[in-house]
Amino acid sequence: MAKQGGGINSYSVVESNNVSLGQLGSVWLDLDNTTFTPTNGVVVAITMVTDCGFDTLTGEGGDGSGTYINIVGAGYESAGDTLIAGDTFPAGMTIYGRWTSVSVQSSAQQCVCYVG
């Protein structure tokens, strides 16, 4: 499936749909002070392996006015609350969106980030 170079336009319709589901790769995060910023694509899903909070969760657009839950803004049309340091997601939960950078709050917290 994966074609090197050429970007998303080099994929068939089915292949490009798979890319949007996180099939460009994944990364394991389990260290605080380590921020994952994909160089090709964005994080499209995050699965919590342990209860997780985030130091960095930057929605696409980066200014907090975007449509994805994040640390700097309320997400979709500012309808929700902004995530803060004490907010955690339970182990086993997967959240979906489009984030440009992600980091967990402590080394005791672990998650898998999927890039699409």
PDB file of N, CA and C in Angstrom:
ATOM      1  N   MET A   1       0.812  -1.188   0.000  1.00  0.00           N
ATOM      2  CA  MET A   1       0.000   0.000   0.000  1.00  0.00           C
ATOM      3  C   MET A   1       0.856   1.252   0.000  1.00  0.00           C
ATOM      4  N   ALA A   2       1.761   1.400   0.949  1.00  0.00           N
ATOM      5  CA  ALA A   2       2.478   2.662   1.111  1.00  0.00           C
ATOM      6  C   ALA A   2       3.407   2.928  -0.055  1.00  0.00           C
ATOM      7  N   LYS A   3       3.298   4.111  -0.599  1.00  0.00           N
ATOM      8  CA  LYS A   3       4.162   4.555  -1.684  1.00  0.00           C
ATOM      9  C   LYS A   3       5.079   5.628  -1.139  1.00  0.00           C
ATOM     10  N   GLN A   4       6.348   5.476  -1.341  1.00  0.00           N
ATOM     11  CA  GLN A   4       7.309   6.442  -0.827  1.00  0.00           C
ATOM     12  C   GLN A   4       7.277   7.712  -1.673  1.00  0.00           C
ATOM     13  N   GLY A   5       7.231   8.856  -1.001  1.00  0.00           N
ATOM     14  CA  GLY A   5       7.221  10.140  -1.697  1.00  0.00           C
ATOM     15  C   GLY A   5       5.895  10.386  -2.398  1.00  0.00           C
ATOM     16  N   GLY A   6       5.720  11.546  -2.954  1.00  0.00           N
ATOM     17  CA  GLY A   6       4.540  11.850  -3.741  1.00  0.00           C
ATOM     18  C   GLY A   6       3.342  12.314  -2.937  1.00  0.00           C
ATOM     19  N   GLY A   7       3.375  12.164  -1.621  1.00  0.00           N
ATOM     20  CA  GLY A   7       2.276  12.626  -0.782  1.00  0.00           C
ATOM     21  C   GLY A   7       1.006  11.822  -0.970  1.00  0.00           C
ATOM     22  N   ILE A   8      -0.055  12.298  -0.363  1.00  0.00           N
ATOM     23  CA  ILE A   8      -1.326  11.578  -0.364  1.00  0.00           C
ATOM     24  C   ILE A   8      -1.921  11.449  -1.765  1.00  0.00           C
ATOM     25  N   ASN A   9      -1.584  12.356  -2.681  1.00  0.00           N
ATOM     26  CA  ASN A   9      -2.137  12.299  -4.025  1.00  0.00           C
ATOM     27  C   ASN A   9      -1.601  11.130  -4.850  1.00  0.00           C
ATOM     28  N   SER A  10      -0.561  10.461  -4.369  1.00  0.00           N
ATOM     29  CA  SER A  10      -0.025   9.316  -5.095  1.00  0.00           C
ATOM     30  C   SER A  10      -0.741   8.018  -4.733  1.00  0.00           C
ATOM     31  N   TYR A  11      -1.742   8.076  -3.859  1.00  0.00           N
ATOM     32  CA  TYR A  11      -2.487   6.901  -3.435  1.00  0.00           C
ATOM     33  C   TYR A  11      -3.800   6.780  -4.198  1.00  0.00           C
ATOM     34  N   SER A  12      -4.309   5.548  -4.310  1.00  0.00           N
ATOM     35  CA  SER A  12      -5.643   5.337  -4.867  1.00  0.00           C
ATOM     36  C   SER A  12      -6.665   5.867  -3.865  1.00  0.00           C
ATOM     37  N   VAL A  13      -7.934   5.893  -4.248  1.00  0.00           N
ATOM     38  CA  VAL A  13      -8.991   6.382  -3.356  1.00  0.00           C
ATOM     39  C   VAL A  13      -9.033   5.541  -2.087  1.00  0.00           C
ATOM     40  N   VAL A  14      -9.006   4.224  -2.221  1.00  0.00           N
ATOM     41  CA  VAL A  14      -9.059   3.338  -1.052  1.00  0.00           C
ATOM     42  C   VAL A  14      -7.825   3.540  -0.178  1.00  0.00           C
ATOM     43  N   GLU A  15      -6.650   3.620  -0.803  1.00  0.00           N
ATOM     44  CA  GLU A  15      -5.417   3.816  -0.050  1.00  0.00           C
ATOM     45  C   GLU A  15      -5.423   5.149   0.688  1.00  0.00           C
ATOM     46  N   SER A  16      -5.914   6.205   0.057  1.00  0.00           N
ATOM     47  CA  SER A  16      -5.923   7.511   0.724  1.00  0.00           C
ATOM     48  C   SER A  16      -6.896   7.516   1.895  1.00  0.00           C
ATOM     49  N   ASN A  17      -7.996   6.767   1.809  1.00  0.00           N
ATOM     50  CA  ASN A  17      -8.901   6.634   2.952  1.00  0.00           C
ATOM     51  C   ASN A  17      -8.204   5.928   4.102  1.00  0.00           C
ATOM     52  N   ASN A  18      -7.398   4.912   3.800  1.00  0.00           N
ATOM     53  CA  ASN A  18      -6.645   4.211   4.836  1.00  0.00           C
ATOM     54  C   ASN A  18      -5.646   5.143   5.515  1.00  0.00           C
ATOM     55  N   VAL A  19      -5.017   6.029   4.740  1.00  0.00           N
ATOM     56  CA  VAL A  19      -4.070   6.991   5.305  1.00  0.00           C
ATOM     57  C   VAL A  19      -4.765   7.842   6.355  1.00  0.00           C
ATOM     58  N   SER A  20      -5.989   8.278   6.090  1.00  0.00           N
ATOM     59  CA  SER A  20      -6.710   9.122   7.044  1.00  0.00           C
ATOM     60  C   SER A  20      -7.063   8.372   8.322  1.00  0.00           C
ATOM     61  N   LEU A  21      -6.943   7.045   8.310  1.00  0.00           N
ATOM     62  CA  LEU A  21      -7.225   6.230   9.495  1.00  0.00           C
ATOM     63  C   LEU A  21      -5.971   5.928  10.300  1.00  0.00           C
ATOM     64  N   GLY A  22      -4.847   6.529   9.940  1.00  0.00           N
ATOM     65  CA  GLY A  22      -3.652   6.366  10.744  1.00  0.00           C
ATOM     66  C   GLY A  22      -2.632   5.402  10.194  1.00  0.00           C
ATOM     67  N   GLN A  23      -2.706   5.069   8.932  1.00  0.00           N
ATOM     68  CA  GLN A  23      -1.807   4.074   8.382  1.00  0.00           C
ATOM     69  C   GLN A  23      -0.503   4.643   7.842  1.00  0.00           C
ATOM     70  N   LEU A  24      -0.178   5.896   8.188  1.00  0.00           N
ATOM     71  CA  LEU A  24       1.138   6.439   7.836  1.00  0.00           C
ATOM     72  C   LEU A  24       2.173   6.068   8.883  1.00  0.00           C
ATOM     73  N   GLY A  25       1.724   5.516   9.994  1.00  0.00           N
ATOM     74  CA  GLY A  25       2.652   5.098  11.041  1.00  0.00           C
ATOM     75  C   GLY A  25       2.105   5.381  12.418  1.00  0.00           C
ATOM     76  N   SER A  26       2.894   5.022  13.413  1.00  0.00           N
ATOM     77  CA  SER A  26       2.491   5.243  14.793  1.00  0.00           C
ATOM     78  C   SER A  26       3.735   5.460  15.644  1.00  0.00           C
ATOM     79  N   VAL A  27       3.527   5.967  16.843  1.00  0.00           N
ATOM     80  CA  VAL A  27       4.633   6.204  17.773  1.00  0.00           C
ATOM     81  C   VAL A  27       4.135   5.932  19.187  1.00  0.00           C
ATOM     82  N   TRP A  28       5.035   5.415  20.010  1.00  0.00           N
ATOM     83  CA  TRP A  28       4.769   5.119  21.416  1.00  0.00           C
ATOM     84  C   TRP A  28       5.288   6.289  22.247  1.00  0.00           C
ATOM     85  N   LEU A  29       4.445   6.882  23.065  1.00  0.00           N
ATOM     86  CA  LEU A  29       4.880   7.958  23.954  1.00  0.00           C
ATOM     87  C   LEU A  29       4.801   7.479  25.400  1.00  0.00           C
ATOM     88  N   ASP A  30       5.906   7.620  26.134  1.00  0.00           N
ATOM     89  CA  ASP A  30       5.905   7.268  27.554  1.00  0.00           C
ATOM     90  C   ASP A  30       6.906   8.084  28.350  1.00  0.00           C
ATOM     91  N   LEU A  31       7.342   9.201  27.822  1.00  0.00           N
ATOM     92  CA  LEU A  31       8.278  10.066  28.529  1.00  0.00           C
ATOM     93  C   LEU A  31       7.737  11.484  28.599  1.00  0.00           C
ATOM     94  N   ASP A  32       7.812  12.074  29.798  1.00  0.00           N
ATOM     95  CA  ASP A  32       7.453  13.489  29.866  1.00  0.00           C
ATOM     96  C   ASP A  32       8.580  14.306  29.244  1.00  0.00           C
ATOM     97  N   ASN A  33       8.309  15.503  28.896  1.00  0.00           N
ATOM     98  CA  ASN A  33       9.254  16.413  28.235  1.00  0.00           C
ATOM     99  C   ASN A  33       9.696  15.929  26.857  1.00  0.00           C
ATOM    100  N   THR A  34       8.951  15.004  26.254  1.00  0.00           N
ATOM    101  CA  THR A  34       9.207  14.568  24.881  1.00  0.00           C
ATOM    102  C   THR A  34       7.951  14.846  24.075  1.00  0.00           C
ATOM    103  N   THR A  35       8.062  15.733  23.099  1.00  0.00           N
ATOM    104  CA  THR A  35       6.919  16.093  22.273  1.00  0.00           C
ATOM    105  C   THR A  35       7.058  15.435  20.914  1.00  0.00           C
ATOM    106  N   PHE A  36       6.003  14.738  20.489  1.00  0.00           N
ATOM    107  CA  PHE A  36       5.981  14.132  19.165  1.00  0.00           C
ATOM    108  C   PHE A  36       5.288  15.090  18.208  1.00  0.00           C
ATOM    109  N   THR A  37       6.004  15.473  17.156  1.00  0.00           N
ATOM    110  CA  THR A  37       5.482  16.325  16.099  1.00  0.00           C
ATOM    111  C   THR A  37       5.748  15.633  14.770  1.00  0.00           C
ATOM    112  N   PRO A  38       4.720  15.037  14.144  1.00  0.00           N
ATOM    113  CA  PRO A  38       4.945  14.323  12.883  1.00  0.00           C
ATOM    114  C   PRO A  38       5.475  15.251  11.792  1.00  0.00           C
ATOM    115  N   THR A  39       6.382  14.740  10.985  1.00  0.00           N
ATOM    116  CA  THR A  39       6.920  15.525   9.873  1.00  0.00           C
ATOM    117  C   THR A  39       6.109  15.318   8.604  1.00  0.00           C
ATOM    118  N   ASN A  40       5.318  14.249   8.559  1.00  0.00           N
ATOM    119  CA  ASN A  40       4.497  13.941   7.386  1.00  0.00           C
ATOM    120  C   ASN A  40       3.106  13.551   7.882  1.00  0.00           C
ATOM    121  N   GLY A  41       2.163  14.463   7.832  1.00  0.00           N
ATOM    122  CA  GLY A  41       0.818  14.183   8.318  1.00  0.00           C
ATOM    123  C   GLY A  41       0.601  14.761   9.704  1.00  0.00           C
ATOM    124  N   VAL A  42      -0.459  14.307  10.355  1.00  0.00           N
ATOM    125  CA  VAL A  42      -0.814  14.730  11.703  1.00  0.00           C
ATOM    126  C   VAL A  42      -1.226  13.495  12.498  1.00  0.00           C
ATOM    127  N   VAL A  43      -1.276  13.626  13.803  1.00  0.00           N
ATOM    128  CA  VAL A  43      -1.782  12.545  14.651  1.00  0.00           C
ATOM    129  C   VAL A  43      -3.301  12.527  14.490  1.00  0.00           C
ATOM    130  N   VAL A  44      -3.855  11.379  14.078  1.00  0.00           N
ATOM    131  CA  VAL A  44      -5.294  11.293  13.835  1.00  0.00           C
ATOM    132  C   VAL A  44      -6.034  10.491  14.908  1.00  0.00           C
ATOM    133  N   ALA A  45      -5.293   9.754  15.721  1.00  0.00           N
ATOM    134  CA  ALA A  45      -5.903   8.997  16.813  1.00  0.00           C
ATOM    135  C   ALA A  45      -4.863   8.782  17.899  1.00  0.00           C
ATOM    136  N   ILE A  46      -5.324   8.769  19.154  1.00  0.00           N
ATOM    137  CA  ILE A  46      -4.455   8.508  20.299  1.00  0.00           C
ATOM    138  C   ILE A  46      -5.152   7.474  21.171  1.00  0.00           C
ATOM    139  N   THR A  47      -4.476   6.342  21.395  1.00  0.00           N
ATOM    140  CA  THR A  47      -4.999   5.299  22.272  1.00  0.00           C
ATOM    141  C   THR A  47      -4.234   5.337  23.587  1.00  0.00           C
ATOM    142  N   MET A  48      -4.972   5.441  24.695  1.00  0.00           N
ATOM    143  CA  MET A  48      -4.351   5.488  26.019  1.00  0.00           C
ATOM    144  C   MET A  48      -4.061   4.060  26.482  1.00  0.00           C
ATOM    145  N   VAL A  49      -2.810   3.772  26.787  1.00  0.00           N
ATOM    146  CA  VAL A  49      -2.422   2.467  27.314  1.00  0.00           C
ATOM    147  C   VAL A  49      -2.555   2.484  28.836  1.00  0.00           C
ATOM    148  N   THR A  50      -2.241   3.614  29.440  1.00  0.00           N
ATOM    149  CA  THR A  50      -2.490   3.870  30.857  1.00  0.00           C
ATOM    150  C   THR A  50      -3.338   5.139  30.927  1.00  0.00           C
ATOM    151  N   ASP A  51      -3.826   5.473  32.107  1.00  0.00           N
ATOM    152  CA  ASP A  51      -4.511   6.761  32.246  1.00  0.00           C
ATOM    153  C   ASP A  51      -3.537   7.858  31.808  1.00  0.00           C
ATOM    154  N   CYS A  52      -3.987   8.780  30.948  1.00  0.00           N
ATOM    155  CA  CYS A  52      -3.084   9.783  30.366  1.00  0.00           C
ATOM    156  C   CYS A  52      -3.632  11.191  30.484  1.00  0.00           C
ATOM    157  N   GLY A  53      -2.717  12.089  30.777  1.00  0.00           N
ATOM    158  CA  GLY A  53      -2.943  13.516  30.664  1.00  0.00           C
ATOM    159  C   GLY A  53      -1.897  14.050  29.701  1.00  0.00           C
ATOM    160  N   PHE A  54      -2.105  15.224  29.174  1.00  0.00           N
ATOM    161  CA  PHE A  54      -1.205  15.754  28.153  1.00  0.00           C
ATOM    162  C   PHE A  54      -0.641  17.107  28.548  1.00  0.00           C
ATOM    163  N   ASP A  55       0.675  17.273  28.355  1.00  0.00           N
ATOM    164  CA  ASP A  55       1.306  18.584  28.463  1.00  0.00           C
ATOM    165  C   ASP A  55       1.081  19.346  27.170  1.00  0.00           C
ATOM    166  N   THR A  56       1.159  18.605  26.054  1.00  0.00           N
ATOM    167  CA  THR A  56       0.959  19.195  24.736  1.00  0.00           C
ATOM    168  C   THR A  56      -0.074  18.371  23.999  1.00  0.00           C
ATOM    169  N   LEU A  57      -1.087  19.019  23.507  1.00  0.00           N
ATOM    170  CA  LEU A  57      -2.077  18.410  22.619  1.00  0.00           C
ATOM    171  C   LEU A  57      -2.555  19.560  21.741  1.00  0.00           C
ATOM    172  N   THR A  58      -1.846  19.755  20.642  1.00  0.00           N
ATOM    173  CA  THR A  58      -2.079  20.914  19.793  1.00  0.00           C
ATOM    174  C   THR A  58      -2.944  20.533  18.600  1.00  0.00           C
ATOM    175  N   GLY A  59      -4.167  21.039  18.563  1.00  0.00           N
ATOM    176  CA  GLY A  59      -5.060  20.784  17.448  1.00  0.00           C
ATOM    177  C   GLY A  59      -4.551  21.446  16.179  1.00  0.00           C
ATOM    178  N   GLU A  60      -4.861  20.853  15.055  1.00  0.00           N
ATOM    179  CA  GLU A  60      -4.453  21.424  13.771  1.00  0.00           C
ATOM    180  C   GLU A  60      -4.931  22.872  13.709  1.00  0.00           C
ATOM    181  N   GLY A  61      -4.091  23.751  13.322  1.00  0.00           N
ATOM    182  CA  GLY A  61      -4.370  25.189  13.340  1.00  0.00           C
ATOM    183  C   GLY A  61      -3.582  25.863  14.451  1.00  0.00           C
ATOM    184  N   GLY A  62      -3.420  25.165  15.586  1.00  0.00           N
ATOM    185  CA  GLY A  62      -2.524  25.573  16.649  1.00  0.00           C
ATOM    186  C   GLY A  62      -2.938  26.719  17.549  1.00  0.00           C
ATOM    187  N   ASP A  63      -3.984  27.472  17.188  1.00  0.00           N
ATOM    188  CA  ASP A  63      -4.303  28.655  17.990  1.00  0.00           C
ATOM    189  C   ASP A  63      -5.460  28.428  18.956  1.00  0.00           C
ATOM    190  N   GLY A  64      -5.962  27.209  19.045  1.00  0.00           N
ATOM    191  CA  GLY A  64      -7.055  26.918  19.963  1.00  0.00           C
ATOM    192  C   GLY A  64      -8.433  27.185  19.399  1.00  0.00           C
ATOM    193  N   SER A  65      -8.501  27.761  18.205  1.00  0.00           N
ATOM    194  CA  SER A  65      -9.807  28.054  17.619  1.00  0.00           C
ATOM    195  C   SER A  65     -10.255  26.941  16.665  1.00  0.00           C
ATOM    196  N   GLY A  66      -9.466  25.889  16.561  1.00  0.00           N
ATOM    197  CA  GLY A  66      -9.785  24.785  15.661  1.00  0.00           C
ATOM    198  C   GLY A  66     -10.935  23.943  16.171  1.00  0.00           C
ATOM    199  N   THR A  67     -11.130  22.817  15.528  1.00  0.00           N
ATOM    200  CA  THR A  67     -12.273  21.980  15.848  1.00  0.00           C
ATOM    201  C   THR A  67     -11.916  20.757  16.690  1.00  0.00           C
ATOM    202  N   TYR A  68     -10.663  20.653  17.146  1.00  0.00           N
ATOM    203  CA  TYR A  68     -10.233  19.460  17.878  1.00  0.00           C
ATOM    204  C   TYR A  68      -9.876  19.795  19.316  1.00  0.00           C
ATOM    205  N   ILE A  69     -10.245  18.906  20.232  1.00  0.00           N
ATOM    206  CA  ILE A  69      -9.927  19.083  21.646  1.00  0.00           C
ATOM    207  C   ILE A  69      -8.424  19.304  21.786  1.00  0.00           C
ATOM    208  N   ASN A  70      -8.053  20.256  22.620  1.00  0.00           N
ATOM    209  CA  ASN A  70      -6.632  20.564  22.761  1.00  0.00           C
ATOM    210  C   ASN A  70      -6.365  21.313  24.053  1.00  0.00           C
ATOM    211  N   ILE A  71      -5.083  21.611  24.295  1.00  0.00           N
ATOM    212  CA  ILE A  71      -4.649  22.265  25.527  1.00  0.00           C
ATOM    213  C   ILE A  71      -4.877  23.786  25.496  1.00  0.00           C
ATOM    214  N   VAL A  72      -4.794  24.397  24.321  1.00  0.00           N
ATOM    215  CA  VAL A  72      -4.851  25.862  24.249  1.00  0.00           C
ATOM    216  C   VAL A  72      -6.235  26.429  23.940  1.00  0.00           C
ATOM    217  N   GLY A  73      -7.228  25.579  23.667  1.00  0.00           N
ATOM    218  CA  GLY A  73      -8.559  26.081  23.345  1.00  0.00           C
ATOM    219  C   GLY A  73      -9.624  25.046  23.626  1.00  0.00           C
ATOM    220  N   ALA A  74     -10.860  25.422  23.424  1.00  0.00           N
ATOM    221  CA  ALA A  74     -11.991  24.584  23.791  1.00  0.00           C
ATOM    222  C   ALA A  74     -12.409  23.597  22.711  1.00  0.00           C
ATOM    223  N   GLY A  75     -11.799  23.649  21.540  1.00  0.00           N
ATOM    224  CA  GLY A  75     -12.175  22.711  20.497  1.00  0.00           C
ATOM    225  C   GLY A  75     -13.358  23.193  19.690  1.00  0.00           C
ATOM    226  N   TYR A  76     -14.158  22.263  19.218  1.00  0.00           N
ATOM    227  CA  TYR A  76     -15.204  22.512  18.250  1.00  0.00           C
ATOM    228  C   TYR A  76     -16.066  23.717  18.609  1.00  0.00           C
ATOM    229  N   GLU A  77     -15.960  24.756  17.801  1.00  0.00           N
ATOM    230  CA  GLU A  77     -16.744  25.983  17.945  1.00  0.00           C
ATOM    231  C   GLU A  77     -16.744  26.524  19.370  1.00  0.00           C
ATOM    232  N   SER A  78     -15.651  26.286  20.093  1.00  0.00           N
ATOM    233  CA  SER A  78     -15.501  26.737  21.483  1.00  0.00           C
ATOM    234  C   SER A  78     -16.635  26.260  22.370  1.00  0.00           C
ATOM    235  N   ALA A  79     -17.208  25.096  22.037  1.00  0.00           N
ATOM    236  CA  ALA A  79     -18.372  24.594  22.761  1.00  0.00           C
ATOM    237  C   ALA A  79     -18.005  23.852  24.041  1.00  0.00           C
ATOM    238  N   GLY A  80     -16.760  23.389  24.160  1.00  0.00           N
ATOM    239  CA  GLY A  80     -16.367  22.619  25.331  1.00  0.00           C
ATOM    240  C   GLY A  80     -15.412  23.399  26.213  1.00  0.00           C
ATOM    241  N   ASP A  81     -14.736  22.670  27.091  1.00  0.00           N
ATOM    242  CA  ASP A  81     -13.744  23.267  27.972  1.00  0.00           C
ATOM    243  C   ASP A  81     -12.350  22.978  27.445  1.00  0.00           C
ATOM    244  N   THR A  82     -11.394  23.815  27.782  1.00  0.00           N
ATOM    245  CA  THR A  82     -10.000  23.595  27.444  1.00  0.00           C
ATOM    246  C   THR A  82      -9.423  22.549  28.393  1.00  0.00           C
ATOM    247  N   LEU A  83      -8.627  21.618  27.865  1.00  0.00           N
ATOM    248  CA  LEU A  83      -7.964  20.639  28.723  1.00  0.00           C
ATOM    249  C   LEU A  83      -6.954  21.338  29.622  1.00  0.00           C
ATOM    250  N   ILE A  84      -6.850  20.858  30.863  1.00  0.00           N
ATOM    251  CA  ILE A  84      -5.857  21.403  31.792  1.00  0.00           C
ATOM    252  C   ILE A  84      -5.015  20.249  32.339  1.00  0.00           C
ATOM    253  N   ALA A  85      -4.003  20.584  33.111  1.00  0.00           N
ATOM    254  CA  ALA A  85      -3.044  19.599  33.598  1.00  0.00           C
ATOM    255  C   ALA A  85      -3.688  18.442  34.368  1.00  0.00           C
ATOM    256  N   GLY A  86      -4.757  18.672  35.083  1.00  0.00           N
ATOM    257  CA  GLY A  86      -5.384  17.615  35.876  1.00  0.00           C
ATOM    258  C   GLY A  86      -6.321  16.709  35.099  1.00  0.00           C
ATOM    259  N   ASP A  87      -6.632  17.048  33.859  1.00  0.00           N
ATOM    260  CA  ASP A  87      -7.550  16.240  33.058  1.00  0.00           C
ATOM    261  C   ASP A  87      -6.847  14.991  32.552  1.00  0.00           C
ATOM    262  N   THR A  88      -7.485  13.832  32.718  1.00  0.00           N
ATOM    263  CA  THR A  88      -6.902  12.582  32.224  1.00  0.00           C
ATOM    264  C   THR A  88      -7.947  11.785  31.450  1.00  0.00           C
ATOM    265  N   PHE A  89      -7.448  10.989  30.533  1.00  0.00           N
ATOM    266  CA  PHE A  89      -8.267  10.059  29.778  1.00  0.00           C
ATOM    267  C   PHE A  89      -7.965   8.664  30.303  1.00  0.00           C
ATOM    268  N   PRO A  90      -8.969   7.798  30.463  1.00  0.00           N
ATOM    269  CA  PRO A  90      -8.726   6.475  31.040  1.00  0.00           C
ATOM    270  C   PRO A  90      -8.018   5.522  30.076  1.00  0.00           C
ATOM    271  N   ALA A  91      -7.309   4.574  30.644  1.00  0.00           N
ATOM    272  CA  ALA A  91      -6.650   3.529  29.859  1.00  0.00           C
ATOM    273  C   ALA A  91      -7.680   2.831  28.977  1.00  0.00           C
ATOM    274  N   GLY A  92      -7.305   2.550  27.743  1.00  0.00           N
ATOM    275  CA  GLY A  92      -8.191   1.861  26.807  1.00  0.00           C
ATOM    276  C   GLY A  92      -8.995   2.790  25.916  1.00  0.00           C
ATOM    277  N   MET A  93      -9.052   4.063  26.246  1.00  0.00           N
ATOM    278  CA  MET A  93      -9.814   5.019  25.440  1.00  0.00           C
ATOM    279  C   MET A  93      -8.993   5.454  24.229  1.00  0.00           C
ATOM    280  N   THR A  94      -9.675   5.643  23.109  1.00  0.00           N
ATOM    281  CA  THR A  94      -9.049   6.218  21.917  1.00  0.00           C
ATOM    282  C   THR A  94      -9.788   7.493  21.575  1.00  0.00           C
ATOM    283  N   ILE A  95      -9.025   8.557  21.345  1.00  0.00           N
ATOM    284  CA  ILE A  95      -9.626   9.807  20.894  1.00  0.00           C
ATOM    285  C   ILE A  95      -9.175  10.052  19.456  1.00  0.00           C
ATOM    286  N   TYR A  96     -10.038  10.710  18.697  1.00  0.00           N
ATOM    287  CA  TYR A  96      -9.777  10.957  17.281  1.00  0.00           C
ATOM    288  C   TYR A  96      -9.801  12.454  17.017  1.00  0.00           C
ATOM    289  N   GLY A  97      -8.961  12.890  16.106  1.00  0.00           N
ATOM    290  CA  GLY A  97      -8.901  14.298  15.743  1.00  0.00           C
ATOM    291  C   GLY A  97      -7.758  14.530  14.780  1.00  0.00           C
ATOM    292  N   ARG A  98      -7.197  15.725  14.822  1.00  0.00           N
ATOM    293  CA  ARG A  98      -6.043  16.073  13.984  1.00  0.00           C
ATOM    294  C   ARG A  98      -5.148  16.976  14.828  1.00  0.00           C
ATOM    295  N   TRP A  99      -4.067  16.396  15.338  1.00  0.00           N
ATOM    296  CA  TRP A  99      -3.154  17.121  16.207  1.00  0.00           C
ATOM    297  C   TRP A  99      -1.778  17.210  15.566  1.00  0.00           C
ATOM    298  N   THR A 100      -1.137  18.359  15.734  1.00  0.00           N
ATOM    299  CA  THR A 100       0.192  18.565  15.155  1.00  0.00           C
ATOM    300  C   THR A 100       1.308  18.237  16.134  1.00  0.00           C
ATOM    301  N   SER A 101       1.022  18.189  17.435  1.00  0.00           N
ATOM    302  CA  SER A 101       2.026  17.771  18.413  1.00  0.00           C
ATOM    303  C   SER A 101       1.334  17.232  19.666  1.00  0.00           C
ATOM    304  N   VAL A 102       2.022  16.249  20.289  1.00  0.00           N
ATOM    305  CA  VAL A 102       1.470  15.558  21.453  1.00  0.00           C
ATOM    306  C   VAL A 102       2.600  15.240  22.424  1.00  0.00           C
ATOM    307  N   SER A 103       2.368  15.447  23.721  1.00  0.00           N
ATOM    308  CA  SER A 103       3.280  14.952  24.764  1.00  0.00           C
ATOM    309  C   SER A 103       2.476  14.622  26.011  1.00  0.00           C
ATOM    310  N   VAL A 104       2.883  13.553  26.710  1.00  0.00           N
ATOM    311  CA  VAL A 104       2.208  13.134  27.939  1.00  0.00           C
ATOM    312  C   VAL A 104       2.795  13.885  29.133  1.00  0.00           C
ATOM    313  N   GLN A 105       2.049  13.889  30.256  1.00  0.00           N
ATOM    314  CA  GLN A 105       2.464  14.660  31.431  1.00  0.00           C
ATOM    315  C   GLN A 105       3.580  14.011  32.240  1.00  0.00           C
ATOM    316  N   SER A 106       3.649  12.667  32.242  1.00  0.00           N
ATOM    317  CA  SER A 106       4.668  12.016  33.057  1.00  0.00           C
ATOM    318  C   SER A 106       5.108  10.703  32.427  1.00  0.00           C
ATOM    319  N   SER A 107       6.227  10.185  32.914  1.00  0.00           N
ATOM    320  CA  SER A 107       6.752   8.925  32.397  1.00  0.00           C
ATOM    321  C   SER A 107       5.880   7.732  32.775  1.00  0.00           C
ATOM    322  N   ALA A 108       4.975   7.909  33.728  1.00  0.00           N
ATOM    323  CA  ALA A 108       4.064   6.835  34.118  1.00  0.00           C
ATOM    324  C   ALA A 108       2.880   6.732  33.158  1.00  0.00           C
ATOM    325  N   GLN A 109       2.753   7.678  32.242  1.00  0.00           N
ATOM    326  CA  GLN A 109       1.635   7.696  31.298  1.00  0.00           C
ATOM    327  C   GLN A 109       2.120   7.245  29.926  1.00  0.00           C
ATOM    328  N   GLN A 110       1.310   6.381  29.301  1.00  0.00           N
ATOM    329  CA  GLN A 110       1.710   5.792  28.023  1.00  0.00           C
ATOM    330  C   GLN A 110       0.546   5.834  27.033  1.00  0.00           C
ATOM    331  N   CYS A 111       0.878   6.167  25.785  1.00  0.00           N
ATOM    332  CA  CYS A 111      -0.140   6.174  24.730  1.00  0.00           C
ATOM    333  C   CYS A 111       0.507   5.845  23.393  1.00  0.00           C
ATOM    334  N   VAL A 112      -0.328   5.472  22.432  1.00  0.00           N
ATOM    335  CA  VAL A 112       0.096   5.241  21.066  1.00  0.00           C
ATOM    336  C   VAL A 112      -0.567   6.306  20.202  1.00  0.00           C
ATOM    337  N   CYS A 113       0.251   7.027  19.409  1.00  0.00           N
ATOM    338  CA  CYS A 113      -0.252   8.048  18.493  1.00  0.00           C
ATOM    339  C   CYS A 113      -0.195   7.510  17.075  1.00  0.00           C
ATOM    340  N   TYR A 114      -1.295   7.605  16.349  1.00  0.00           N
ATOM    341  CA  TYR A 114      -1.372   7.129  14.967  1.00  0.00           C
ATOM    342  C   TYR A 114      -1.350   8.321  14.009  1.00  0.00           C
ATOM    343  N   VAL A 115      -0.508   8.229  12.991  1.00  0.00           N
ATOM    344  CA  VAL A 115      -0.323   9.331  12.052  1.00  0.00           C
ATOM    345  C   VAL A 115      -1.091   9.050  10.764  1.00  0.00           C
ATOM    346  N   GLY A 116      -1.765  10.066  10.263  1.00  0.00           N
ATOM    347  CA  GLY A 116      -2.505   9.938   9.012  1.00  0.00           C
ATOM    348  C   GLY A 116      -2.455  11.236   8.230  1.00  0.00           C
TER     349      GLY A 116
END
